[in-house]
Protein backbone atom coordinates (compact mmCIF):
# COMPACT_ATOMS: atom_id res chain seq x y z
CA MET A 1 -78.55 3.32 -44.32
CA PRO A 2 -78.84 4.21 -40.67
CA ASP A 3 -75.11 3.90 -39.80
CA GLY A 4 -74.02 6.11 -42.73
CA THR A 5 -72.60 3.22 -44.78
CA LYS A 6 -73.08 3.87 -48.51
CA VAL A 7 -74.94 1.08 -50.29
CA LYS A 8 -73.20 -0.41 -53.30
CA TYR A 9 -75.60 -1.60 -55.90
CA THR A 10 -74.90 -4.18 -58.60
CA ALA A 11 -76.19 -4.22 -62.12
CA ALA A 12 -76.24 -6.60 -65.08
CA VAL A 13 -76.29 -5.25 -68.67
CA VAL A 14 -78.10 -7.46 -71.23
CA THR A 15 -77.65 -6.81 -74.96
CA VAL A 16 -80.46 -8.32 -76.95
CA SER A 17 -79.25 -8.73 -80.45
CA ASP A 18 -79.56 -11.78 -82.91
CA ARG A 19 -76.34 -10.72 -84.75
CA GLY A 20 -74.45 -9.77 -81.74
CA SER A 21 -75.23 -13.08 -80.04
CA VAL A 22 -73.40 -14.94 -82.75
CA GLY A 23 -70.48 -12.63 -83.15
CA GLU A 24 -71.64 -10.97 -86.41
CA ARG A 25 -71.99 -7.53 -84.73
CA GLU A 26 -69.80 -5.90 -82.05
CA ASP A 27 -71.66 -4.89 -78.95
CA GLU A 28 -71.13 -1.14 -78.52
CA SER A 29 -74.12 -0.40 -76.34
CA GLY A 30 -73.43 -2.84 -73.41
CA PRO A 31 -69.98 -1.39 -72.77
CA ALA A 32 -71.33 2.16 -73.07
CA LEU A 33 -73.94 1.46 -70.47
CA ARG A 34 -71.61 -0.19 -68.17
CA GLU A 35 -69.42 2.88 -68.18
CA ILE A 36 -72.35 5.16 -67.30
CA LEU A 37 -73.38 2.80 -64.44
CA GLU A 38 -69.91 2.43 -63.14
CA ASP A 39 -69.32 6.22 -63.20
CA ALA A 40 -72.45 6.43 -61.11
CA GLY A 41 -70.99 4.15 -58.52
CA ILE A 42 -72.89 1.04 -59.53
CA ASP A 43 -70.76 -2.22 -59.94
CA VAL A 44 -71.40 -3.99 -63.17
CA PRO A 45 -70.06 -7.56 -62.88
CA ARG A 46 -72.03 -8.90 -65.70
CA VAL A 47 -72.50 -7.99 -69.31
CA VAL A 48 -74.29 -10.55 -71.38
CA ILE A 49 -75.49 -10.80 -75.05
CA VAL A 50 -78.46 -12.79 -75.96
CA ALA A 51 -80.44 -13.37 -79.13
CA ASP A 52 -83.93 -11.92 -79.62
CA GLU A 53 -85.62 -14.94 -78.30
CA ARG A 54 -88.46 -14.25 -75.89
CA ALA A 55 -88.17 -17.34 -73.69
CA GLU A 56 -84.32 -17.15 -73.37
CA LEU A 57 -84.57 -13.54 -72.43
CA LYS A 58 -87.33 -14.07 -69.92
CA GLN A 59 -85.38 -16.78 -68.20
CA LEU A 60 -82.18 -14.73 -68.16
CA LEU A 61 -84.03 -11.84 -66.60
CA ARG A 62 -85.45 -14.09 -63.97
CA ASP A 63 -82.12 -15.63 -63.28
CA LEU A 64 -80.52 -12.20 -62.90
CA CYS A 65 -83.16 -11.10 -60.47
CA GLU A 66 -82.80 -14.37 -58.45
CA GLU A 67 -79.04 -13.73 -58.34
CA GLY A 68 -79.70 -10.49 -56.47
CA PHE A 69 -78.78 -7.82 -58.97
CA ASN A 70 -80.33 -4.52 -57.88
CA LEU A 71 -80.52 -3.31 -61.51
CA VAL A 72 -80.84 -5.01 -64.88
CA VAL A 73 -80.67 -2.68 -67.99
CA THR A 74 -81.36 -4.33 -71.32
CA THR A 75 -80.42 -2.73 -74.69
CA GLY A 76 -82.08 -3.71 -77.97
CA GLY A 77 -85.37 -5.38 -78.97
CA THR A 78 -87.68 -2.43 -77.97
CA GLY A 79 -88.74 -1.34 -81.54
CA VAL A 80 -91.41 -2.60 -83.80
CA SER A 81 -89.69 -5.29 -85.89
CA PRO A 82 -91.10 -8.69 -85.59
CA ARG A 83 -88.07 -9.91 -83.63
CA ASP A 84 -88.16 -7.18 -81.09
CA VAL A 85 -89.49 -9.00 -77.96
CA THR A 86 -87.77 -7.33 -75.03
CA PRO A 87 -90.78 -5.52 -73.72
CA GLU A 88 -92.98 -8.59 -73.84
CA ALA A 89 -90.19 -10.76 -72.03
CA THR A 90 -89.79 -7.93 -69.45
CA MET A 91 -93.62 -7.61 -68.85
CA GLU A 92 -93.69 -11.33 -68.28
CA VAL A 93 -91.04 -11.12 -65.63
CA ILE A 94 -91.92 -7.93 -63.61
CA ASP A 95 -94.23 -7.67 -60.75
CA ARG A 96 -94.90 -3.93 -60.95
CA GLU A 97 -94.39 -1.43 -63.88
CA VAL A 98 -92.53 1.80 -63.25
CA PRO A 99 -94.01 3.68 -66.26
CA GLY A 100 -92.68 7.13 -65.36
CA MET A 101 -89.10 5.98 -66.27
CA ALA A 102 -90.18 4.75 -69.71
CA GLU A 103 -92.15 7.96 -70.27
CA ALA A 104 -89.22 10.10 -69.35
CA MET A 105 -86.94 8.30 -71.73
CA ARG A 106 -89.28 8.60 -74.57
CA ALA A 107 -89.84 12.35 -73.85
CA GLU A 108 -86.08 13.00 -73.78
CA SER A 109 -85.58 10.86 -76.87
CA LEU A 110 -88.32 12.75 -78.76
CA LYS A 111 -86.11 16.02 -78.48
CA VAL A 112 -83.56 14.19 -80.65
CA THR A 113 -85.71 11.92 -83.02
CA PRO A 114 -89.20 11.43 -83.89
CA HIS A 115 -88.47 7.67 -83.93
CA ALA A 116 -88.62 7.72 -80.11
CA MET A 117 -92.47 7.50 -80.32
CA ILE A 118 -92.16 3.89 -81.64
CA SER A 119 -90.11 2.77 -78.65
CA ARG A 120 -91.94 0.10 -76.75
CA ALA A 121 -89.43 0.03 -73.83
CA VAL A 122 -90.80 -0.66 -70.34
CA CYS A 123 -89.37 -0.48 -66.79
CA GLY A 124 -90.39 -2.29 -63.81
CA LEU A 125 -89.71 -4.16 -60.65
CA LYS A 126 -89.10 -7.90 -60.04
CA GLY A 127 -88.99 -8.09 -56.29
CA ARG A 128 -86.16 -5.72 -55.32
CA THR A 129 -84.71 -5.58 -58.86
CA LEU A 130 -85.35 -2.71 -61.15
CA ILE A 131 -85.41 -3.65 -64.88
CA ILE A 132 -84.96 -0.85 -67.58
CA ASN A 133 -85.31 -1.51 -71.23
CA LEU A 134 -83.22 0.67 -73.41
CA PRO A 135 -82.80 1.03 -77.17
CA GLY A 136 -80.34 -0.92 -79.02
CA SER A 137 -78.30 1.85 -80.54
CA PRO A 138 -75.30 3.03 -78.44
CA LYS A 139 -76.48 6.67 -78.82
CA GLY A 140 -80.01 5.99 -78.03
CA ALA A 141 -79.13 3.63 -75.07
CA ARG A 142 -76.81 6.23 -73.57
CA GLU A 143 -79.40 9.06 -73.92
CA CYS A 144 -82.24 7.14 -72.37
CA LEU A 145 -80.18 5.81 -69.44
CA GLU A 146 -78.89 9.27 -68.84
CA ALA A 147 -82.40 10.65 -68.96
CA VAL A 148 -83.40 8.35 -65.91
CA MET A 149 -80.00 8.11 -64.11
CA ALA A 150 -80.78 10.86 -61.55
CA ALA A 151 -83.72 8.71 -60.30
CA VAL A 152 -82.09 5.36 -60.43
CA PRO A 153 -80.20 5.36 -57.05
CA HIS A 154 -83.27 6.54 -55.21
CA ALA A 155 -85.38 3.92 -57.01
CA LEU A 156 -82.89 1.26 -55.91
CA GLU A 157 -82.82 2.38 -52.37
CA VAL A 158 -86.59 2.37 -52.03
CA ALA A 159 -86.92 -1.03 -53.99
CA ALA A 160 -84.40 -2.46 -51.38
CA GLY A 161 -86.68 -1.39 -48.58
CA ASP A 162 -85.05 1.85 -47.42
CA VAL A 163 -88.09 4.09 -47.51
CA SER A 164 -87.03 6.47 -44.86
CA GLU A 165 -87.19 9.59 -46.94
CA CYS A 166 -88.96 9.88 -50.35
CA ALA A 167 -89.25 13.63 -50.45
CA VAL A 168 -86.81 15.54 -52.46
CA GLU A 169 -86.29 19.10 -51.43
CA ARG A 170 -86.16 21.65 -53.98
CA PRO A 171 -84.51 25.14 -53.63
CA GLY A 172 -87.11 27.48 -52.02
CA ASP A 173 -89.03 24.68 -50.22
């Protein structure tokens, strides 16, 4: 910001899990993601668990964007099971895709497991809100968020309208 004030961003974490939504499974991914985001200086006032229901998830994503969250991260529902609908719900909500983030997550995950290639996670913008789909496993969710975390603050700045400087200087430039 021009006056030197540091912008504080807000995020919501959404765990997409049929069993988690009815209390049959403890949500470990949501709290792990909240910790990563808060360690990065992003306030996380909302952590929600919903069932793998496309219409419900789509409405929740829209509501979170309308509430003004800068970032929404989802965990779960990105695989190939018939109940995995997170990417479809996200695609119906976003205005613009940010494919490089999903590509970076898959590339980093492929170093750990060949199962990364069946991830259907997407990332994109709804207005000024960045939505990032992450895997459902706590380990996979952490690894994928960490793979893109270096770019998240800049993406949030630009999405919020601060396009003053997009170039990143590298040593030797």
